Amino acid sequence: MKIIYSGRPAELLPKERTKLEGKLAKVAKIIEKRGEKEVHIILSQERHLHHVEITLWVYDHAMVGVGSDGDLASAMSAA
């Protein structure tokens, strides 16, 4: 699974990055039947609120998860 990060705080801490990629690996086991997939992760921050948007194309349909929280790790889990 190819993961592309973009957004304002594009760099995550190694611990947060490993946790997020571990969760995406679980999803990849289910959907990677027809080749490698790309995941786009968009990070943004508005004052004290972190927004995370995860977009994944599965069988020619876009799956989008959006999460917002004051804590970046909680926002990633929600998305």
N, C-alpha and C. Protein backbone atom coordinates (compact mmCIF):
# COMPACT_ATOMS: atom_id res chain seq x y z
N MET A 1 0.85 -1.16 0.00
CA MET A 1 0.00 0.00 0.00
C MET A 1 0.90 1.23 0.00
N LYS A 2 0.64 2.12 -0.94
CA LYS A 2 1.41 3.36 -1.05
C LYS A 2 0.65 4.46 -0.32
N ILE A 3 1.32 5.11 0.64
CA ILE A 3 0.69 6.14 1.46
C ILE A 3 1.30 7.48 1.12
N ILE A 4 0.44 8.46 0.79
CA ILE A 4 0.87 9.81 0.43
C ILE A 4 0.34 10.77 1.48
N TYR A 5 1.24 11.49 2.13
CA TYR A 5 0.88 12.47 3.14
C TYR A 5 0.92 13.86 2.54
N SER A 6 -0.05 14.70 2.89
CA SER A 6 -0.03 16.10 2.47
C SER A 6 -0.76 16.92 3.52
N GLY A 7 -0.61 18.21 3.43
CA GLY A 7 -1.29 19.09 4.36
C GLY A 7 -0.32 19.99 5.08
N ARG A 8 -0.84 20.73 6.04
CA ARG A 8 -0.05 21.71 6.76
C ARG A 8 1.02 21.06 7.63
N PRO A 9 0.69 20.29 8.66
CA PRO A 9 1.77 19.59 9.38
C PRO A 9 2.02 18.24 8.71
N ALA A 10 2.68 18.25 7.57
CA ALA A 10 2.85 17.03 6.77
C ALA A 10 3.73 16.00 7.46
N GLU A 11 4.54 16.41 8.41
CA GLU A 11 5.41 15.48 9.11
C GLU A 11 4.76 15.04 10.42
N LEU A 12 4.63 13.75 10.58
CA LEU A 12 4.11 13.18 11.81
C LEU A 12 5.27 12.65 12.64
N LEU A 13 5.03 12.50 13.92
CA LEU A 13 6.02 11.85 14.77
C LEU A 13 6.12 10.38 14.37
N PRO A 14 7.30 9.77 14.51
CA PRO A 14 7.43 8.36 14.10
C PRO A 14 6.44 7.42 14.80
N LYS A 15 6.14 7.71 16.07
CA LYS A 15 5.18 6.87 16.81
C LYS A 15 3.78 6.97 16.21
N GLU A 16 3.36 8.20 15.87
CA GLU A 16 2.03 8.40 15.27
C GLU A 16 1.96 7.80 13.88
N ARG A 17 3.04 7.94 13.11
CA ARG A 17 3.08 7.39 11.76
C ARG A 17 2.99 5.85 11.79
N THR A 18 3.69 5.21 12.72
CA THR A 18 3.67 3.75 12.82
C THR A 18 2.28 3.26 13.22
N LYS A 19 1.65 3.98 14.14
CA LYS A 19 0.31 3.58 14.58
C LYS A 19 -0.71 3.69 13.44
N LEU A 20 -0.65 4.78 12.69
CA LEU A 20 -1.56 4.98 11.56
C LEU A 20 -1.32 3.95 10.46
N GLU A 21 -0.07 3.70 10.13
CA GLU A 21 0.24 2.72 9.09
C GLU A 21 -0.13 1.30 9.52
N GLY A 22 -0.08 1.01 10.82
CA GLY A 22 -0.53 -0.28 11.32
C GLY A 22 -2.02 -0.48 11.13
N LYS A 23 -2.80 0.58 11.39
CA LYS A 23 -4.24 0.50 11.19
C LYS A 23 -4.60 0.37 9.71
N LEU A 24 -3.85 1.08 8.86
CA LEU A 24 -4.10 0.98 7.42
C LEU A 24 -3.69 -0.39 6.88
N ALA A 25 -2.72 -1.04 7.51
CA ALA A 25 -2.30 -2.37 7.07
C ALA A 25 -3.42 -3.39 7.29
N LYS A 26 -4.20 -3.21 8.34
CA LYS A 26 -5.33 -4.11 8.59
C LYS A 26 -6.38 -3.97 7.48
N VAL A 27 -6.63 -2.74 7.06
CA VAL A 27 -7.58 -2.50 5.98
C VAL A 27 -7.03 -3.04 4.66
N ALA A 28 -5.72 -2.93 4.48
CA ALA A 28 -5.09 -3.37 3.22
C ALA A 28 -5.24 -4.86 3.01
N LYS A 29 -5.27 -5.64 4.08
CA LYS A 29 -5.44 -7.09 3.95
C LYS A 29 -6.76 -7.44 3.28
N ILE A 30 -7.76 -6.62 3.54
CA ILE A 30 -9.09 -6.89 3.00
C ILE A 30 -9.22 -6.44 1.55
N ILE A 31 -8.67 -5.27 1.23
CA ILE A 31 -8.94 -4.66 -0.07
C ILE A 31 -7.88 -4.87 -1.13
N GLU A 32 -6.70 -5.36 -0.78
CA GLU A 32 -5.64 -5.48 -1.77
C GLU A 32 -5.72 -6.81 -2.53
N LYS A 33 -6.82 -7.07 -3.10
CA LYS A 33 -6.99 -8.29 -3.89
C LYS A 33 -6.64 -8.05 -5.36
N ARG A 34 -6.78 -6.80 -5.82
CA ARG A 34 -6.55 -6.48 -7.22
C ARG A 34 -5.37 -5.53 -7.40
N GLY A 35 -4.27 -5.78 -6.76
CA GLY A 35 -3.10 -4.93 -6.94
C GLY A 35 -2.92 -3.92 -5.81
N GLU A 36 -1.87 -3.14 -5.95
CA GLU A 36 -1.52 -2.19 -4.90
C GLU A 36 -2.44 -0.98 -4.92
N LYS A 37 -2.79 -0.48 -3.76
CA LYS A 37 -3.68 0.67 -3.61
C LYS A 37 -2.89 1.87 -3.12
N GLU A 38 -3.45 3.06 -3.35
CA GLU A 38 -2.88 4.30 -2.87
C GLU A 38 -3.82 4.90 -1.83
N VAL A 39 -3.23 5.45 -0.79
CA VAL A 39 -3.99 6.12 0.26
C VAL A 39 -3.48 7.55 0.34
N HIS A 40 -4.39 8.50 0.32
CA HIS A 40 -4.04 9.92 0.45
C HIS A 40 -4.49 10.38 1.83
N ILE A 41 -3.55 10.88 2.62
CA ILE A 41 -3.85 11.37 3.95
C ILE A 41 -3.60 12.86 3.97
N ILE A 42 -4.65 13.63 4.26
CA ILE A 42 -4.55 15.09 4.28
C ILE A 42 -4.68 15.55 5.72
N LEU A 43 -3.64 16.21 6.21
CA LEU A 43 -3.62 16.71 7.58
C LEU A 43 -3.77 18.22 7.56
N SER A 44 -4.58 18.76 8.46
CA SER A 44 -4.69 20.21 8.58
C SER A 44 -4.97 20.54 10.04
N GLN A 45 -4.69 21.79 10.38
CA GLN A 45 -4.89 22.23 11.74
C GLN A 45 -5.52 23.61 11.73
N GLU A 46 -6.55 23.77 12.53
CA GLU A 46 -7.24 25.05 12.64
C GLU A 46 -7.30 25.40 14.12
N ARG A 47 -6.48 26.33 14.50
CA ARG A 47 -6.28 26.71 15.90
C ARG A 47 -5.87 25.49 16.71
N HIS A 48 -6.74 24.98 17.58
CA HIS A 48 -6.39 23.82 18.41
C HIS A 48 -7.10 22.54 17.94
N LEU A 49 -7.65 22.58 16.73
CA LEU A 49 -8.40 21.44 16.22
C LEU A 49 -7.64 20.83 15.04
N HIS A 50 -7.40 19.53 15.12
CA HIS A 50 -6.71 18.80 14.05
C HIS A 50 -7.76 18.12 13.17
N HIS A 51 -7.60 18.24 11.85
CA HIS A 51 -8.47 17.58 10.88
C HIS A 51 -7.64 16.56 10.10
N VAL A 52 -8.18 15.35 9.95
CA VAL A 52 -7.52 14.30 9.18
C VAL A 52 -8.53 13.74 8.19
N GLU A 53 -8.12 13.66 6.93
CA GLU A 53 -8.96 13.08 5.88
C GLU A 53 -8.17 11.98 5.20
N ILE A 54 -8.73 10.78 5.17
CA ILE A 54 -8.08 9.63 4.55
C ILE A 54 -8.93 9.20 3.35
N THR A 55 -8.34 9.19 2.17
CA THR A 55 -9.04 8.82 0.94
C THR A 55 -8.40 7.57 0.37
N LEU A 56 -9.23 6.59 0.05
CA LEU A 56 -8.76 5.30 -0.45
C LEU A 56 -9.69 4.86 -1.58
N TRP A 57 -9.11 4.49 -2.71
CA TRP A 57 -9.91 4.02 -3.85
C TRP A 57 -10.00 2.50 -3.79
N VAL A 58 -11.25 1.98 -3.74
CA VAL A 58 -11.50 0.55 -3.68
C VAL A 58 -12.52 0.19 -4.74
N TYR A 59 -12.16 -0.70 -5.65
CA TYR A 59 -13.05 -1.16 -6.71
C TYR A 59 -13.72 0.02 -7.43
N ASP A 60 -12.92 1.01 -7.83
CA ASP A 60 -13.36 2.18 -8.57
C ASP A 60 -14.33 3.08 -7.80
N HIS A 61 -14.29 3.01 -6.47
CA HIS A 61 -15.09 3.88 -5.62
C HIS A 61 -14.18 4.48 -4.56
N ALA A 62 -14.44 5.72 -4.21
CA ALA A 62 -13.63 6.39 -3.20
C ALA A 62 -14.22 6.16 -1.82
N MET A 63 -13.38 5.71 -0.90
CA MET A 63 -13.75 5.60 0.51
C MET A 63 -13.05 6.76 1.22
N VAL A 64 -13.81 7.58 1.90
CA VAL A 64 -13.25 8.75 2.56
C VAL A 64 -13.61 8.69 4.04
N GLY A 65 -12.60 8.84 4.88
CA GLY A 65 -12.80 8.92 6.32
C GLY A 65 -12.32 10.27 6.81
N VAL A 66 -13.15 10.94 7.61
CA VAL A 66 -12.81 12.26 8.10
C VAL A 66 -12.92 12.25 9.62
N GLY A 67 -11.91 12.81 10.27
CA GLY A 67 -11.92 12.91 11.72
C GLY A 67 -11.38 14.24 12.18
N SER A 68 -11.97 14.79 13.24
CA SER A 68 -11.52 16.06 13.82
C SER A 68 -11.50 15.91 15.33
N ASP A 69 -10.42 16.42 15.94
CA ASP A 69 -10.30 16.36 17.39
C ASP A 69 -9.19 17.30 17.82
N GLY A 70 -9.13 17.60 19.09
CA GLY A 70 -8.07 18.43 19.62
C GLY A 70 -6.74 17.71 19.66
N ASP A 71 -6.79 16.39 19.71
CA ASP A 71 -5.60 15.55 19.73
C ASP A 71 -5.43 14.92 18.36
N LEU A 72 -4.22 14.99 17.80
CA LEU A 72 -3.98 14.46 16.45
C LEU A 72 -4.19 12.95 16.40
N ALA A 73 -3.77 12.22 17.42
CA ALA A 73 -3.91 10.76 17.42
C ALA A 73 -5.40 10.37 17.44
N SER A 74 -6.21 11.09 18.18
CA SER A 74 -7.65 10.81 18.23
C SER A 74 -8.32 11.13 16.90
N ALA A 75 -7.87 12.19 16.25
CA ALA A 75 -8.43 12.55 14.95
C ALA A 75 -8.08 11.49 13.90
N MET A 76 -6.85 10.95 13.96
CA MET A 76 -6.45 9.89 13.02
C MET A 76 -7.27 8.63 13.26
N SER A 77 -7.51 8.28 14.52
CA SER A 77 -8.31 7.10 14.83
C SER A 77 -9.75 7.26 14.37
N ALA A 78 -10.29 8.46 14.50
CA ALA A 78 -11.67 8.71 14.07
C ALA A 78 -11.80 8.62 12.56
N ALA A 79 -10.78 9.07 11.86
CA ALA A 79 -10.85 9.02 10.40
C ALA A 79 -10.71 7.60 9.93
